[in-house]
Amino acid sequence: MDKIEKITKILSKIDLSTNRKFIKYLNVVKRKSKDVSNLSANKIEIEKSKLDLMKLYYNLGKYISNKNFNENISDFSYDEEYESLNSKINKLKLYIKEIKSKID
């Protein structure tokens, strides 16, 4: 608390109407903090999406394994559930790629 009180005391002494350098500095800090928060939100979204992608891969593998074991099916060319899971995986991969492009 002691440091915050010192900063507050210093800031209260500054006349913002005449000190243009300080106003510029505050605007830069404000802009940069917004950039950092956007970057963090994007990184969190990427990690969440990666977890969702792993779940989809797991579900696809489980589906293929069960179909193969129970029904001896190894060709999924016309299987709607297989196509649906692959479609979800591809959409999620594109979404992750899109978010990553915002970061770079």
Protein backbone atom coordinates (compact mmCIF):
# COMPACT_ATOMS: atom_id res chain seq x y z
CA MET A 1 0.00 0.00 0.00
CA ASP A 2 2.86 2.34 0.73
CA LYS A 3 4.06 2.45 -2.91
CA ILE A 4 0.56 3.05 -4.22
CA GLU A 5 0.13 5.96 -1.84
CA LYS A 6 3.41 7.47 -3.06
CA ILE A 7 2.36 7.13 -6.70
CA THR A 8 -1.01 8.67 -5.94
CA LYS A 9 0.66 11.56 -4.13
CA ILE A 10 2.98 12.22 -7.09
CA LEU A 11 0.16 12.01 -9.61
CA SER A 12 -2.01 14.39 -7.63
CA LYS A 13 0.72 17.05 -7.84
CA ILE A 14 0.87 16.93 -11.66
CA ASP A 15 -1.17 19.53 -13.51
CA LEU A 16 -2.57 17.51 -16.41
CA SER A 17 -3.80 20.57 -18.29
CA THR A 18 -0.24 21.86 -18.81
CA ASN A 19 1.81 18.67 -18.88
CA ARG A 20 1.38 17.29 -22.42
CA LYS A 21 4.25 14.79 -22.11
CA PHE A 22 2.55 13.10 -19.20
CA ILE A 23 -0.75 12.90 -21.07
CA LYS A 24 1.04 11.33 -24.05
CA TYR A 25 2.69 8.85 -21.74
CA LEU A 26 -0.64 7.90 -20.15
CA ASN A 27 -2.19 7.39 -23.58
CA VAL A 28 0.68 5.12 -24.63
CA VAL A 29 0.36 3.09 -21.43
CA LYS A 30 -3.38 2.81 -21.96
CA ARG A 31 -2.95 1.64 -25.56
CA LYS A 32 -0.24 -0.87 -24.67
CA SER A 33 -2.22 -2.34 -21.79
CA LYS A 34 -5.16 -2.86 -24.16
CA ASP A 35 -2.84 -4.60 -26.64
CA VAL A 36 -1.51 -6.88 -23.92
CA SER A 37 -4.99 -7.78 -22.72
CA ASN A 38 -6.13 -8.58 -26.29
CA LEU A 39 -3.03 -10.72 -26.83
CA SER A 40 -3.69 -12.59 -23.60
CA ALA A 41 -7.33 -13.19 -24.49
CA ASN A 42 -6.30 -14.57 -27.90
CA LYS A 43 -3.73 -16.89 -26.34
CA ILE A 44 -6.29 -18.19 -23.85
CA GLU A 45 -8.78 -18.77 -26.68
CA ILE A 46 -6.13 -20.72 -28.64
CA GLU A 47 -5.36 -22.97 -25.68
CA LYS A 48 -9.07 -23.58 -25.02
CA SER A 49 -9.59 -24.44 -28.68
CA LYS A 50 -6.62 -26.81 -28.62
CA LEU A 51 -8.24 -28.66 -25.72
CA ASP A 52 -11.50 -28.86 -27.66
CA LEU A 53 -9.55 -30.18 -30.65
CA MET A 54 -7.95 -32.91 -28.54
CA LYS A 55 -11.43 -33.95 -27.34
CA LEU A 56 -12.64 -34.17 -30.94
CA TYR A 57 -9.60 -36.26 -31.92
CA TYR A 58 -10.30 -38.53 -28.97
CA ASN A 59 -13.98 -38.88 -29.91
CA LEU A 60 -13.07 -39.63 -33.53
CA GLY A 61 -10.57 -42.28 -32.48
CA LYS A 62 -13.03 -43.81 -30.06
CA TYR A 63 -15.74 -43.86 -32.75
CA ILE A 64 -13.43 -45.53 -35.31
CA SER A 65 -12.20 -48.04 -32.76
CA ASN A 66 -15.72 -48.99 -31.67
CA LYS A 67 -16.98 -49.33 -35.25
CA ASN A 68 -13.98 -51.45 -36.20
CA PHE A 69 -14.17 -53.65 -33.12
CA ASN A 70 -17.96 -54.12 -33.01
CA GLU A 71 -18.83 -54.14 -36.70
CA ASN A 72 -15.49 -54.83 -38.47
CA ILE A 73 -15.84 -51.56 -40.39
CA SER A 74 -12.65 -50.04 -41.76
CA ASP A 75 -14.06 -47.92 -44.59
CA PHE A 76 -15.72 -44.72 -43.37
CA SER A 77 -16.25 -43.12 -46.80
CA TYR A 78 -20.03 -42.90 -46.42
CA ASP A 79 -20.29 -42.71 -42.64
CA GLU A 80 -22.13 -39.52 -41.60
CA GLU A 81 -20.85 -39.47 -38.02
CA TYR A 82 -17.27 -39.87 -39.22
CA GLU A 83 -17.74 -37.02 -41.71
CA SER A 84 -19.36 -34.85 -39.04
CA LEU A 85 -16.47 -35.33 -36.59
CA ASN A 86 -13.91 -34.63 -39.32
CA SER A 87 -15.80 -31.51 -40.34
CA LYS A 88 -15.78 -30.22 -36.74
CA ILE A 89 -12.05 -30.94 -36.48
CA ASN A 90 -11.29 -29.06 -39.70
CA LYS A 91 -13.40 -26.05 -38.67
CA LEU A 92 -11.68 -25.88 -35.29
CA LYS A 93 -8.23 -26.13 -36.89
CA LEU A 94 -9.11 -23.22 -39.20
CA TYR A 95 -10.40 -21.21 -36.24
CA ILE A 96 -7.14 -21.78 -34.32
CA LYS A 97 -5.15 -20.77 -37.39
CA GLU A 98 -7.25 -17.60 -37.73
CA ILE A 99 -6.65 -16.60 -34.10
CA LYS A 100 -2.93 -17.31 -34.42
CA SER A 101 -2.77 -15.03 -37.45
CA LYS A 102 -4.15 -12.19 -35.30
CA ILE A 103 -1.28 -12.65 -32.85
CA ASP A 104 1.48 -12.72 -35.45
